[in-house]
N, C-alpha and C. Protein backbone atom coordinates (compact mmCIF):
# COMPACT_ATOMS: atom_id res chain seq x y z
N UNK A 1 287.73 6.48 -21.00
CA UNK A 1 289.06 7.05 -20.51
C UNK A 1 288.98 7.04 -19.23
N UNK A 2 290.24 6.24 -18.22
CA UNK A 2 290.53 6.57 -16.94
C UNK A 2 290.45 7.78 -16.54
N UNK A 3 289.35 8.24 -15.56
CA UNK A 3 289.41 9.67 -15.31
C UNK A 3 291.00 10.02 -14.34
N UNK A 4 291.51 9.27 -13.89
CA UNK A 4 293.05 9.53 -13.38
C UNK A 4 294.02 8.73 -13.98
N UNK A 5 294.61 9.37 -14.81
CA UNK A 5 295.42 8.88 -15.95
C UNK A 5 296.26 10.08 -16.54
N UNK A 6 297.39 9.62 -16.98
CA UNK A 6 298.19 10.39 -17.93
C UNK A 6 297.38 11.20 -18.97
N UNK A 7 296.77 10.36 -19.72
CA UNK A 7 296.06 10.44 -21.06
C UNK A 7 294.61 11.49 -20.73
N UNK A 8 294.27 11.43 -19.49
CA UNK A 8 292.96 12.49 -19.05
C UNK A 8 293.81 13.85 -18.94
N UNK A 9 294.78 13.96 -18.28
CA UNK A 9 295.45 14.92 -18.22
C UNK A 9 295.76 15.86 -19.59
N UNK A 10 296.44 15.09 -20.58
CA UNK A 10 296.65 15.65 -21.90
C UNK A 10 295.21 16.13 -22.47
N UNK A 11 294.11 15.37 -22.12
CA UNK A 11 292.68 15.92 -22.91
C UNK A 11 292.03 17.02 -22.16
N UNK A 12 292.50 17.09 -21.04
CA UNK A 12 292.09 18.20 -20.17
C UNK A 12 292.34 19.62 -20.98
N UNK A 13 294.03 19.56 -20.89
CA UNK A 13 294.66 20.58 -21.03
C UNK A 13 294.31 20.88 -22.65
N UNK A 14 294.19 20.21 -23.43
CA UNK A 14 293.95 20.46 -24.81
C UNK A 14 292.31 20.99 -24.72
N UNK A 15 291.62 20.74 -24.05
CA UNK A 15 290.25 21.31 -24.10
C UNK A 15 290.43 23.04 -23.39
N UNK A 16 291.71 23.23 -22.69
CA UNK A 16 291.44 24.39 -22.28
C UNK A 16 292.50 25.47 -22.91
N UNK A 17 293.09 25.50 -23.90
CA UNK A 17 294.11 25.92 -24.60
C UNK A 17 293.52 27.59 -24.46
N UNK A 18 292.74 27.82 -24.79
CA UNK A 18 292.23 29.20 -24.92
C UNK A 18 292.01 29.74 -23.62
N UNK A 19 291.33 29.46 -22.86
CA UNK A 19 291.24 30.05 -21.26
C UNK A 19 292.71 30.11 -20.84
N UNK A 20 293.39 29.03 -21.06
CA UNK A 20 295.06 29.22 -20.45
C UNK A 20 295.87 30.24 -21.02
N UNK A 21 295.48 30.47 -22.39
CA UNK A 21 296.55 31.51 -23.17
C UNK A 21 296.04 33.02 -22.33
N UNK A 22 294.43 33.20 -22.49
CA UNK A 22 293.97 34.56 -21.83
C UNK A 22 294.41 34.62 -20.11
N UNK A 23 294.61 33.64 -19.58
CA UNK A 23 295.05 33.79 -18.42
C UNK A 23 296.43 34.34 -17.90
N UNK A 24 297.37 33.76 -19.12
CA UNK A 24 298.56 34.13 -18.93
C UNK A 24 298.79 35.59 -19.18
N UNK A 25 298.34 35.77 -20.43
CA UNK A 25 297.88 37.14 -21.36
C UNK A 25 297.68 38.52 -20.11
N UNK A 26 296.61 37.75 -19.61
CA UNK A 26 295.87 38.96 -19.02
C UNK A 26 296.64 38.87 -17.18
N UNK A 27 297.55 37.90 -17.10
CA UNK A 27 298.23 37.80 -15.71
C UNK A 27 297.10 37.69 -14.64
N UNK A 28 296.05 36.65 -14.91
CA UNK A 28 295.03 36.40 -13.98
C UNK A 28 295.21 35.27 -12.84
N UNK A 29 296.42 34.53 -12.91
CA UNK A 29 297.02 33.89 -11.97
C UNK A 29 297.73 34.52 -10.77
N UNK A 30 297.30 34.99 -9.52
CA UNK A 30 298.09 35.51 -8.57
C UNK A 30 299.26 35.09 -8.12
N UNK A 31 299.49 33.54 -7.91
CA UNK A 31 300.80 33.03 -7.57
C UNK A 31 301.54 33.12 -8.57
N UNK A 32 301.28 32.83 -9.76
CA UNK A 32 302.32 33.35 -10.83
C UNK A 32 302.65 34.64 -10.79
N UNK A 33 301.87 35.43 -11.02
CA UNK A 33 302.36 37.09 -10.87
C UNK A 33 303.21 37.50 -9.86
N UNK A 34 302.75 36.94 -8.77
CA UNK A 34 303.56 37.67 -6.95
C UNK A 34 304.86 36.79 -7.14
N UNK A 35 305.03 35.35 -7.64
CA UNK A 35 305.82 34.49 -6.93
C UNK A 35 306.51 33.62 -8.11
N UNK A 36 305.70 33.02 -8.54
CA UNK A 36 306.51 31.75 -9.36
C UNK A 36 307.02 31.99 -10.46
N UNK A 37 306.55 32.71 -11.38
CA UNK A 37 306.89 33.12 -12.69
C UNK A 37 308.31 33.51 -12.62
N UNK A 38 308.65 34.53 -11.74
CA UNK A 38 309.94 34.94 -11.41
C UNK A 38 311.01 34.35 -11.03
N UNK A 39 310.55 33.21 -9.78
CA UNK A 39 311.14 32.18 -9.35
C UNK A 39 311.88 31.33 -10.07
N UNK A 40 311.17 30.71 -11.01
CA UNK A 40 311.66 29.76 -12.04
C UNK A 40 312.73 30.45 -13.03
N UNK A 41 312.28 32.08 -13.31
CA UNK A 41 313.54 32.39 -14.27
C UNK A 41 314.43 32.46 -13.02
N UNK A 42 314.62 33.32 -12.29
CA UNK A 42 315.62 33.11 -11.33
C UNK A 42 316.60 31.69 -11.02
N UNK A 43 315.72 30.51 -11.16
CA UNK A 43 316.18 29.48 -10.61
C UNK A 43 317.03 29.02 -11.94
N UNK A 44 316.80 29.20 -13.16
CA UNK A 44 317.53 28.96 -14.27
C UNK A 44 318.41 29.74 -14.61
N UNK A 45 318.50 31.17 -14.61
CA UNK A 45 319.33 32.09 -14.87
C UNK A 45 320.79 32.21 -14.07
N UNK A 46 320.30 31.79 -12.86
CA UNK A 46 321.67 31.72 -11.57
C UNK A 46 322.36 30.52 -12.01
N UNK A 47 322.01 30.00 -13.07
CA UNK A 47 323.11 28.47 -13.17
C UNK A 47 323.79 29.02 -14.38
N UNK A 48 325.05 28.38 -14.49
CA UNK A 48 326.07 28.47 -15.71
C UNK A 48 325.55 27.65 -16.95
N UNK A 49 324.46 28.23 -17.33
CA UNK A 49 323.81 27.61 -18.73
C UNK A 49 323.65 28.60 -19.71
N UNK A 50 324.06 28.00 -20.88
CA UNK A 50 323.64 28.67 -22.25
C UNK A 50 322.24 28.36 -22.90
N UNK A 51 322.35 27.21 -22.79
CA UNK A 51 321.01 26.32 -23.71
C UNK A 51 320.16 25.66 -22.97
N UNK A 52 318.85 26.04 -22.86
CA UNK A 52 317.58 25.30 -22.06
C UNK A 52 316.65 24.78 -23.14
N UNK A 53 316.00 23.81 -22.46
CA UNK A 53 314.92 23.18 -23.10
C UNK A 53 313.60 23.21 -21.90
N UNK A 54 312.50 24.00 -22.33
CA UNK A 54 311.15 24.00 -21.43
C UNK A 54 310.34 23.06 -22.16
N UNK A 55 310.46 21.74 -21.31
CA UNK A 55 309.77 20.70 -21.61
C UNK A 55 308.34 21.02 -20.78
N UNK A 56 307.20 21.12 -21.75
CA UNK A 56 305.79 21.56 -21.35
C UNK A 56 305.99 22.87 -21.28
N UNK A 57 305.93 23.31 -22.46
CA UNK A 57 306.12 24.86 -22.57
C UNK A 57 304.91 25.70 -22.73
N UNK A 58 303.72 24.88 -22.67
CA UNK A 58 302.48 25.56 -22.94
C UNK A 58 302.84 26.69 -24.37
N UNK A 59 302.18 27.77 -24.12
CA UNK A 59 302.13 28.99 -24.92
C UNK A 59 303.36 29.70 -24.99
N UNK A 60 304.56 29.05 -24.60
CA UNK A 60 305.92 29.75 -24.70
C UNK A 60 306.56 30.63 -23.65
N UNK A 61 305.66 31.07 -22.81
CA UNK A 61 306.24 32.25 -21.87
C UNK A 61 307.70 32.08 -21.32
N UNK A 62 307.93 31.10 -20.80
CA UNK A 62 308.94 30.87 -20.26
C UNK A 62 310.15 31.04 -21.31
N UNK A 63 309.90 30.64 -22.45
CA UNK A 63 310.71 30.62 -23.55
C UNK A 63 311.14 31.92 -23.78
N UNK A 64 310.27 32.66 -23.93
CA UNK A 64 310.38 34.02 -24.59
C UNK A 64 310.98 34.69 -23.20
N UNK A 65 310.90 34.36 -21.88
CA UNK A 65 311.31 35.30 -20.88
C UNK A 65 312.86 34.82 -20.92
N UNK A 66 313.20 33.64 -20.99
CA UNK A 66 314.64 33.21 -20.93
C UNK A 66 315.19 33.63 -22.06
N UNK A 67 314.58 33.67 -23.32
CA UNK A 67 315.33 34.03 -24.64
C UNK A 67 315.87 35.95 -23.99
N UNK A 68 315.11 36.67 -23.75
CA UNK A 68 315.21 37.64 -23.48
C UNK A 68 316.48 37.98 -22.54
N UNK A 69 316.54 37.06 -21.76
CA UNK A 69 317.88 37.09 -20.89
C UNK A 69 319.05 36.59 -21.65
N UNK A 70 319.03 36.38 -22.90
CA UNK A 70 320.21 35.85 -23.61
C UNK A 70 320.75 34.50 -23.72
N UNK A 71 319.51 33.50 -23.53
CA UNK A 71 319.81 32.12 -23.42
C UNK A 71 319.40 31.61 -24.49
N UNK A 72 319.71 30.50 -25.33
CA UNK A 72 319.32 29.73 -26.47
C UNK A 72 318.33 28.90 -25.88
N UNK A 73 316.85 29.07 -26.05
CA UNK A 73 315.82 28.14 -25.39
C UNK A 73 314.89 27.54 -26.64
N UNK A 74 314.64 26.59 -26.44
CA UNK A 74 313.62 25.67 -27.15
C UNK A 74 312.79 25.22 -26.37
N UNK A 75 311.31 24.98 -26.93
CA UNK A 75 310.13 24.54 -26.29
C UNK A 75 309.63 23.19 -26.78
N UNK A 76 308.97 22.48 -26.22
CA UNK A 76 308.24 21.23 -26.46
C UNK A 76 307.04 21.08 -25.53
N UNK A 77 306.06 20.73 -26.23
CA UNK A 77 304.87 20.39 -25.57
C UNK A 77 303.90 19.27 -26.33
N UNK A 78 303.10 18.70 -25.80
CA UNK A 78 302.41 17.50 -26.22
C UNK A 78 301.08 17.93 -27.09
N UNK A 79 300.85 18.99 -26.81
CA UNK A 79 299.36 19.86 -27.20
C UNK A 79 299.88 20.77 -28.52
N UNK A 80 299.48 20.26 -29.73
CA UNK A 80 299.66 21.08 -31.02
C UNK A 80 299.46 22.65 -30.87
N UNK A 81 298.29 22.67 -30.30
CA UNK A 81 297.47 24.13 -30.25
C UNK A 81 298.48 24.98 -29.30
N UNK A 82 299.22 24.70 -28.09
CA UNK A 82 300.21 25.36 -27.43
C UNK A 82 301.31 25.98 -28.46
N UNK A 83 301.65 24.73 -29.05
CA UNK A 83 302.85 25.11 -29.88
C UNK A 83 302.48 26.08 -31.13
N UNK A 84 301.40 26.24 -31.51
CA UNK A 84 300.71 27.00 -32.71
C UNK A 84 300.86 28.27 -31.79
N UNK A 85 300.38 28.18 -30.91
CA UNK A 85 300.20 29.79 -30.15
C UNK A 85 301.64 30.14 -29.63
N UNK A 86 302.57 29.37 -29.54
CA UNK A 86 303.73 29.54 -29.01
C UNK A 86 304.61 30.46 -30.12
N UNK A 87 304.31 29.80 -31.41
CA UNK A 87 305.04 30.15 -32.50
C UNK A 87 304.23 31.93 -32.97
N UNK A 88 303.16 31.66 -32.59
CA UNK A 88 302.47 33.02 -33.17
C UNK A 88 302.82 34.11 -32.25
N UNK A 89 303.17 33.86 -30.94
CA UNK A 89 303.54 34.84 -30.06
C UNK A 89 304.90 35.33 -30.34
N UNK A 90 305.65 34.27 -30.89
CA UNK A 90 307.06 35.12 -30.78
C UNK A 90 308.11 33.98 -31.38
N UNK A 91 309.13 34.51 -32.08
CA UNK A 91 310.05 33.47 -32.72
C UNK A 91 310.77 32.59 -31.67
N UNK A 92 311.07 31.34 -32.04
CA UNK A 92 311.48 30.46 -31.19
C UNK A 92 311.60 29.05 -31.85
N UNK A 93 312.50 28.20 -31.27
CA UNK A 93 312.48 26.75 -31.60
C UNK A 93 311.58 26.06 -30.88
N UNK A 94 310.37 25.45 -31.40
CA UNK A 94 309.40 24.94 -31.15
C UNK A 94 308.97 23.58 -31.58
N UNK A 95 308.50 22.46 -30.87
CA UNK A 95 308.24 21.16 -30.90
C UNK A 95 307.43 20.57 -30.38
N UNK A 96 306.64 19.68 -31.46
CA UNK A 96 305.32 18.85 -30.62
C UNK A 96 306.01 17.87 -30.12
N UNK A 97 306.09 17.46 -28.99
CA UNK A 97 306.59 16.27 -28.76
C UNK A 97 305.64 15.73 -27.44
N UNK A 98 305.13 14.20 -27.36
CA UNK A 98 304.66 13.97 -26.00
C UNK A 98 305.63 13.39 -25.02
N UNK A 99 305.22 13.36 -23.86
CA UNK A 99 306.75 12.97 -23.16
C UNK A 99 306.96 11.46 -23.28
N UNK A 100 305.92 10.79 -23.69
CA UNK A 100 306.29 9.37 -23.60
C UNK A 100 307.41 9.03 -25.15
N UNK A 101 307.51 10.01 -25.89
CA UNK A 101 308.29 9.88 -27.14
C UNK A 101 309.76 10.74 -26.97
N UNK A 102 309.87 11.24 -25.64
CA UNK A 102 310.81 11.51 -25.45
C UNK A 102 312.40 11.09 -25.59
N UNK A 103 312.31 9.67 -25.28
CA UNK A 103 313.20 8.93 -25.25
C UNK A 103 313.60 8.13 -26.68
N UNK A 104 312.33 8.12 -27.42
CA UNK A 104 312.35 7.74 -29.01
C UNK A 104 313.09 8.41 -30.27
N UNK A 105 312.67 9.90 -29.91
CA UNK A 105 312.69 10.65 -30.76
C UNK A 105 314.23 10.92 -30.60
N UNK A 106 314.76 11.46 -32.02
CA UNK A 106 316.27 12.31 -31.75
C UNK A 106 316.24 13.77 -31.49
N UNK A 107 316.42 14.36 -30.28
CA UNK A 107 316.57 15.71 -30.24
C UNK A 107 317.18 16.18 -31.16
N UNK A 108 317.22 17.68 -31.52
CA UNK A 108 317.71 18.51 -32.25
C UNK A 108 319.22 18.86 -31.66
N UNK A 109 319.30 18.57 -30.21
CA UNK A 109 320.68 18.85 -29.74
C UNK A 109 320.36 18.59 -28.13
N UNK A 110 321.82 18.69 -27.42
CA UNK A 110 321.81 18.47 -25.87
C UNK A 110 321.71 19.97 -25.66
N UNK A 111 321.20 19.89 -24.39
CA UNK A 111 321.44 21.32 -23.82
C UNK A 111 321.86 21.38 -22.22
N UNK A 112 322.33 22.47 -21.74
CA UNK A 112 322.61 22.73 -20.47
C UNK A 112 321.78 22.48 -19.30
N UNK A 113 320.29 22.75 -19.53
CA UNK A 113 319.52 22.30 -18.63
C UNK A 113 318.06 22.45 -19.47
N UNK A 114 317.40 21.58 -18.52
CA UNK A 114 316.12 21.17 -18.89
C UNK A 114 315.34 21.77 -17.99
N UNK A 115 314.00 22.21 -18.00
CA UNK A 115 313.31 23.06 -17.39
C UNK A 115 311.71 22.42 -17.16
N UNK A 116 310.92 21.98 -16.21
CA UNK A 116 309.74 21.68 -16.28
C UNK A 116 309.06 22.70 -15.39
N UNK A 117 308.17 23.53 -15.76
CA UNK A 117 307.46 24.37 -15.00
C UNK A 117 306.05 23.95 -14.83
N UNK A 118 305.91 23.39 -13.33
CA UNK A 118 304.41 23.16 -13.42
C UNK A 118 303.91 21.99 -14.53
N UNK A 119 304.74 21.54 -15.18
CA UNK A 119 304.54 20.43 -16.32
C UNK A 119 304.51 19.11 -15.93
N UNK A 120 304.58 18.81 -14.72
CA UNK A 120 305.14 17.20 -14.36
C UNK A 120 303.85 16.73 -13.61
N UNK A 121 303.01 16.45 -14.28
CA UNK A 121 301.37 16.28 -13.44
C UNK A 121 301.03 14.83 -13.26
N UNK A 122 301.71 13.98 -14.22
CA UNK A 122 300.97 12.72 -14.30
C UNK A 122 302.12 11.42 -13.69
N UNK A 123 301.61 10.46 -13.95
CA UNK A 123 302.30 8.97 -13.22
C UNK A 123 303.46 8.41 -14.07
N UNK A 124 302.94 7.78 -15.15
CA UNK A 124 304.12 7.02 -15.77
C UNK A 124 304.57 8.09 -16.42
N UNK A 125 304.12 8.94 -17.41
CA UNK A 125 304.93 9.94 -17.77
C UNK A 125 305.87 10.81 -17.36
N UNK A 126 305.48 11.02 -15.91
CA UNK A 126 306.99 12.15 -15.44
C UNK A 126 307.93 10.99 -14.98
N UNK A 127 307.63 9.44 -14.99
CA UNK A 127 309.01 8.41 -14.38
C UNK A 127 309.73 8.52 -15.74
N UNK A 128 309.17 8.21 -16.89
CA UNK A 128 309.71 8.21 -18.29
C UNK A 128 310.61 9.66 -18.91
N UNK A 129 309.98 10.82 -18.22
CA UNK A 129 310.79 12.03 -18.27
C UNK A 129 312.03 11.82 -17.51
N UNK A 130 311.69 11.74 -16.40
CA UNK A 130 313.18 11.42 -15.54
C UNK A 130 314.19 10.57 -15.83
N UNK A 131 313.59 9.29 -16.55
CA UNK A 131 314.70 8.53 -17.16
C UNK A 131 315.34 8.94 -18.21
N UNK A 132 314.55 9.76 -19.18
CA UNK A 132 315.05 10.20 -20.42
C UNK A 132 315.81 11.28 -20.30
N UNK A 133 315.73 12.10 -19.66
CA UNK A 133 316.18 13.48 -19.38
C UNK A 133 317.83 13.57 -19.37
N UNK A 134 318.47 12.69 -18.58
CA UNK A 134 319.87 12.35 -18.81
C UNK A 134 320.09 12.34 -20.25
N UNK A 135 319.35 11.82 -21.35
CA UNK A 135 320.10 11.91 -22.42
C UNK A 135 320.02 13.17 -23.48
N UNK A 136 319.04 14.10 -22.73
CA UNK A 136 318.87 15.47 -23.21
C UNK A 136 319.69 16.48 -23.11
N UNK A 137 320.67 15.99 -21.82
CA UNK A 137 321.42 16.89 -21.30
C UNK A 137 322.81 16.97 -21.89
N UNK A 138 323.51 18.08 -21.72
CA UNK A 138 325.37 17.98 -21.70
C UNK A 138 325.83 17.38 -20.49
N UNK A 139 327.02 17.00 -20.49
CA UNK A 139 327.57 16.62 -19.38
C UNK A 139 327.46 17.85 -18.33
N UNK A 140 327.16 17.34 -17.08
CA UNK A 140 327.02 18.19 -15.81
C UNK A 140 325.93 19.13 -16.16
N UNK A 141 324.90 18.57 -16.76
CA UNK A 141 323.59 19.47 -17.19
C UNK A 141 322.83 19.45 -15.85
N UNK A 142 321.91 20.47 -15.99
CA UNK A 142 321.00 20.80 -14.97
C UNK A 142 319.39 20.09 -15.18
N UNK A 143 318.94 19.73 -14.20
CA UNK A 143 317.11 19.47 -14.45
C UNK A 143 316.62 20.06 -13.15
N UNK A 144 315.68 21.22 -13.72
CA UNK A 144 315.08 22.14 -12.79
C UNK A 144 313.33 21.92 -12.93
N UNK A 145 313.25 21.75 -11.78
CA UNK A 145 311.39 21.23 -11.85
C UNK A 145 310.79 21.99 -10.78
N UNK A 146 309.80 22.82 -11.34
CA UNK A 146 308.76 23.88 -10.37
C UNK A 146 307.62 22.89 -10.23
N UNK A 147 307.11 22.78 -9.15
CA UNK A 147 305.96 21.87 -8.97
C UNK A 147 305.08 22.54 -7.63
N UNK A 148 303.84 21.91 -7.34
CA UNK A 148 303.21 21.80 -6.56
C UNK A 148 303.82 21.85 -5.21
N UNK A 149 303.74 22.21 -4.20
CA UNK A 149 304.70 21.98 -2.78
C UNK A 149 303.57 21.00 -2.18
N UNK A 150 304.24 19.52 -1.88
CA UNK A 150 303.45 18.69 -1.41
C UNK A 150 302.78 19.02 -0.08
N UNK A 151 303.39 19.81 0.89
CA UNK A 151 303.09 20.33 2.14
C UNK A 151 301.79 21.19 2.19
N UNK A 152 301.89 21.99 1.03
CA UNK A 152 300.66 23.14 0.65
C UNK A 152 299.46 22.55 -0.04
N UNK A 153 299.48 21.22 -0.63
CA UNK A 153 298.53 20.52 -1.25
C UNK A 153 297.98 19.44 -0.96
N UNK A 154 298.17 19.09 0.22
CA UNK A 154 297.61 17.82 0.81
C UNK A 154 296.15 18.02 1.25
N UNK A 155 295.65 19.03 1.47
CA UNK A 155 294.42 18.80 1.95
C UNK A 155 293.94 17.77 3.05
N UNK A 156 292.72 17.19 2.83
CA UNK A 156 292.46 16.18 3.83
C UNK A 156 293.19 14.89 3.72
N UNK A 157 293.63 14.63 2.47
CA UNK A 157 294.33 13.42 2.06
C UNK A 157 295.48 12.93 2.71
N UNK A 158 295.52 11.52 2.93
CA UNK A 158 297.05 10.83 3.37
C UNK A 158 298.20 11.30 2.86
N UNK A 159 299.28 11.45 3.67
CA UNK A 159 300.26 12.08 2.67
C UNK A 159 301.10 10.59 2.08
N UNK A 160 300.83 10.32 1.23
CA UNK A 160 301.28 9.34 0.03
C UNK A 160 301.01 9.73 -1.41
N UNK A 161 301.83 9.07 -1.77
CA UNK A 161 301.66 9.34 -3.39
C UNK A 161 300.21 8.70 -3.95
N UNK A 162 299.70 9.50 -5.16
CA UNK A 162 298.58 9.01 -5.57
C UNK A 162 297.69 10.03 -6.27
N UNK A 163 297.11 9.55 -6.88
CA UNK A 163 295.94 10.28 -7.91
C UNK A 163 295.08 11.38 -7.21
N UNK A 164 294.87 12.40 -7.17
CA UNK A 164 294.18 13.74 -6.83
C UNK A 164 293.24 14.00 -8.18
N UNK A 165 291.86 14.45 -7.55
CA UNK A 165 290.99 15.17 -8.66
C UNK A 165 291.60 16.55 -8.61
N UNK A 166 291.12 16.98 -9.83
CA UNK A 166 291.85 18.20 -10.24
C UNK A 166 290.58 19.41 -9.87
N UNK A 167 291.09 20.61 -9.75
CA UNK A 167 290.25 21.85 -9.84
C UNK A 167 290.98 22.77 -10.36
N UNK A 168 289.84 24.01 -10.88
CA UNK A 168 290.29 25.15 -11.24
C UNK A 168 290.18 26.09 -10.23
N UNK A 169 290.21 26.09 -9.08
CA UNK A 169 290.30 27.02 -8.12
C UNK A 169 291.10 28.23 -8.45
N UNK A 170 290.53 29.57 -8.32
CA UNK A 170 291.31 30.52 -8.47
C UNK A 170 291.35 30.79 -9.96
N UNK A 171 290.76 30.19 -10.82
CA UNK A 171 290.91 30.41 -12.36
C UNK A 171 289.35 31.00 -12.63
N UNK A 172 289.57 31.25 -13.81
CA UNK A 172 288.13 32.05 -14.39
C UNK A 172 287.26 30.91 -14.75
N UNK A 173 286.12 31.33 -14.96
CA UNK A 173 284.78 30.46 -15.10
C UNK A 173 284.94 29.94 -16.69
N UNK A 174 285.65 30.24 -17.32
CA UNK A 174 286.04 30.15 -19.03
C UNK A 174 286.66 28.32 -18.81
N UNK A 175 287.60 27.86 -17.67
CA UNK A 175 288.20 26.52 -17.41
C UNK A 175 286.96 25.44 -17.45
N UNK A 176 287.29 24.38 -18.04
CA UNK A 176 286.37 23.35 -17.36
C UNK A 176 287.07 22.10 -17.65
N UNK A 177 286.44 20.71 -17.42
CA UNK A 177 287.08 19.41 -17.30
C UNK A 177 288.58 19.52 -16.69
N UNK A 178 288.61 19.93 -14.99
CA UNK A 178 289.71 19.94 -14.71
C UNK A 178 290.87 18.69 -14.70
N UNK A 179 291.67 18.84 -15.13
CA UNK A 179 292.92 17.69 -14.99
C UNK A 179 293.19 17.20 -13.85
N UNK A 180 293.15 15.74 -13.78
CA UNK A 180 293.63 15.31 -12.39
C UNK A 180 295.09 15.44 -12.45
N UNK A 181 295.56 14.98 -11.25
CA UNK A 181 297.19 15.17 -10.87
C UNK A 181 297.51 14.18 -10.22
N UNK A 182 298.69 13.68 -10.37
CA UNK A 182 299.25 12.60 -9.21
C UNK A 182 300.35 13.49 -8.28
N UNK A 183 299.84 13.25 -7.21
CA UNK A 183 300.50 13.84 -5.97
C UNK A 183 301.60 13.01 -5.46
N UNK A 184 302.88 13.68 -5.31
CA UNK A 184 304.28 12.93 -4.77
C UNK A 184 304.32 13.59 -3.65
N UNK A 185 305.21 12.68 -2.69
CA UNK A 185 305.77 13.31 -1.58
C UNK A 185 307.09 13.97 -1.78
N UNK A 186 307.43 14.54 -0.88
CA UNK A 186 308.90 15.13 -1.14
C UNK A 186 310.11 14.20 -1.12
N UNK A 187 309.91 13.12 -0.52
CA UNK A 187 310.79 12.01 -0.53
C UNK A 187 310.63 11.51 -1.96
N UNK A 188 309.49 11.14 -2.41
CA UNK A 188 309.20 10.64 -3.87
C UNK A 188 309.87 11.60 -4.94
N UNK A 189 309.92 12.95 -4.58
CA UNK A 189 310.45 13.58 -5.72
C UNK A 189 312.08 13.75 -5.70
N UNK A 190 312.60 13.53 -4.43
CA UNK A 190 313.97 13.34 -4.15
C UNK A 190 314.42 12.22 -4.88
N UNK A 191 313.60 10.97 -4.41
CA UNK A 191 313.94 9.61 -5.28
C UNK A 191 313.79 9.59 -6.52
N UNK A 192 313.24 10.09 -7.33
CA UNK A 192 312.81 10.37 -8.54
C UNK A 192 314.36 11.16 -9.04
N UNK A 193 314.87 12.17 -8.34
CA UNK A 193 315.97 12.72 -9.18
C UNK A 193 317.19 11.75 -8.85
N UNK A 194 317.13 11.18 -7.43
CA UNK A 194 318.48 10.44 -7.29
C UNK A 194 318.69 8.93 -8.00
N UNK A 195 317.58 8.23 -8.39
CA UNK A 195 317.37 7.38 -8.99
C UNK A 195 317.59 7.13 -10.28
N UNK A 196 317.65 8.48 -11.02
CA UNK A 196 317.87 8.92 -12.74
C UNK A 196 319.38 9.67 -12.67
N UNK A 197 319.97 9.38 -11.49
CA UNK A 197 321.45 9.61 -11.61
C UNK A 197 321.77 11.36 -11.31
N UNK A 198 320.67 11.70 -10.68
CA UNK A 198 321.05 13.43 -10.68
C UNK A 198 321.14 13.91 -9.24
N UNK A 199 322.27 14.79 -8.87
CA UNK A 199 322.60 15.27 -7.23
C UNK A 199 321.57 16.34 -7.31
N UNK A 200 320.98 16.30 -6.11
CA UNK A 200 320.06 17.51 -5.91
C UNK A 200 320.97 18.36 -5.33
N UNK A 201 321.10 19.83 -6.19
CA UNK A 201 322.18 20.71 -5.73
C UNK A 201 321.58 21.66 -4.81
N UNK A 202 320.00 22.14 -5.07
CA UNK A 202 319.06 23.20 -4.60
C UNK A 202 317.59 22.80 -4.20
N UNK A 203 317.32 23.17 -3.30
CA UNK A 203 315.78 23.23 -2.90
C UNK A 203 315.36 24.26 -2.44
N UNK A 204 314.31 25.00 -3.21
CA UNK A 204 313.57 26.48 -3.03
C UNK A 204 312.11 26.10 -2.85
N UNK A 205 311.67 27.05 -1.90
CA UNK A 205 310.42 26.69 -1.46
C UNK A 205 309.99 28.42 -1.55
N UNK A 206 309.47 29.01 -2.59
CA UNK A 206 309.22 30.33 -2.95
C UNK A 206 307.89 30.89 -1.92
N UNK A 207 307.91 31.95 -1.41
CA UNK A 207 306.97 32.13 -0.50
C UNK A 207 306.08 33.30 -1.13
N UNK A 208 304.70 33.08 -1.08
CA UNK A 208 303.52 34.03 -1.64
C UNK A 208 303.80 34.90 -0.33
N UNK A 209 303.67 36.35 -0.65
CA UNK A 209 304.19 37.19 0.28
C UNK A 209 302.64 37.73 0.97
N UNK A 210 301.44 37.43 0.14
CA UNK A 210 300.34 37.52 0.72
C UNK A 210 299.91 36.43 1.69
N UNK A 211 300.13 35.33 1.60
CA UNK A 211 299.75 34.36 2.44
C UNK A 211 300.91 33.70 3.46
N UNK A 212 302.35 34.26 3.16
CA UNK A 212 303.66 33.88 3.83
C UNK A 212 303.49 32.31 4.03
N UNK A 213 302.97 31.54 2.78
CA UNK A 213 303.01 30.12 3.07
C UNK A 213 304.02 29.62 1.22
N UNK A 214 304.51 28.68 1.45
CA UNK A 214 305.17 28.17 0.10
C UNK A 214 304.33 28.41 -1.13
N UNK A 215 304.47 29.20 -2.09
CA UNK A 215 303.82 29.01 -3.52
C UNK A 215 304.38 27.76 -4.29
N UNK A 216 305.13 27.17 -4.24
CA UNK A 216 305.98 25.97 -4.81
C UNK A 216 307.04 25.37 -4.49
N UNK A 217 307.30 24.05 -5.07
CA UNK A 217 308.66 23.63 -4.56
C UNK A 217 309.46 23.94 -5.83
N UNK A 218 311.00 24.27 -5.85
CA UNK A 218 311.56 24.11 -7.22
C UNK A 218 312.84 23.22 -6.53
N UNK A 219 313.04 21.96 -7.57
CA UNK A 219 314.16 21.20 -7.02
C UNK A 219 315.09 21.41 -8.26
N UNK A 220 316.53 21.36 -7.78
CA UNK A 220 317.61 21.58 -8.98
C UNK A 220 318.53 20.50 -9.03
N UNK A 221 318.44 19.90 -10.11
CA UNK A 221 319.54 18.36 -9.94
C UNK A 221 320.36 18.72 -11.05
N UNK A 222 321.64 17.86 -10.69
CA UNK A 222 322.72 18.17 -11.80
C UNK A 222 323.02 16.51 -11.79
N UNK A 223 323.91 16.55 -13.11
CA UNK A 223 324.27 14.98 -13.46
C UNK A 223 325.72 14.55 -12.75
N UNK A 224 326.04 15.81 -12.06
CA UNK A 224 327.48 15.44 -11.67
C UNK A 224 327.66 16.60 -10.54
N UNK A 225 328.44 16.18 -9.44
CA UNK A 225 328.57 16.95 -8.35
C UNK A 225 329.27 18.21 -8.56
């Protein structure tokens, strides 16, 4: 298997379901606890939406959090063990589906918003997601993406798109086989939205109060002005 590929990302996450679920349940990830969890909840709930699809939902924490706010929320993930855990942790509409299948399968409904919370890590699969999301949305629907901020995760590499090695820095020793990820510049993220019919409505850069640096990048796109 190519160590820098979408397939390798899926394999890595499938191998780390248990430590990830433990990390979420025990709030082991400081940036999530301090900033990014609430940031994505706020980014969705401020919008005039009633139905939401969490694409790449993992163990379903965001589905549960948004459902508690009164929204109708469904979750999809490519890894069956995550969906099994999500169903175990709470009632909800969950479905196993790989990103590549999004445009081929009949979705149960169209949604007011689709949210991807740190779940767009690959290359071809992410491009397919953007191409197929408009089919999953109601008219004037929203696509909300929270991702690593390109300016905060560049390291010593050149500022250009490309595969990067993964790492579990800041995570417990129970994690293994880190997933690679496909780095995108700010302009590349913006272009993905624009060329797939989205108007960018807002750009947010949630700040970590301990470092005073951007903890993430949130982009909200809409199918109409």
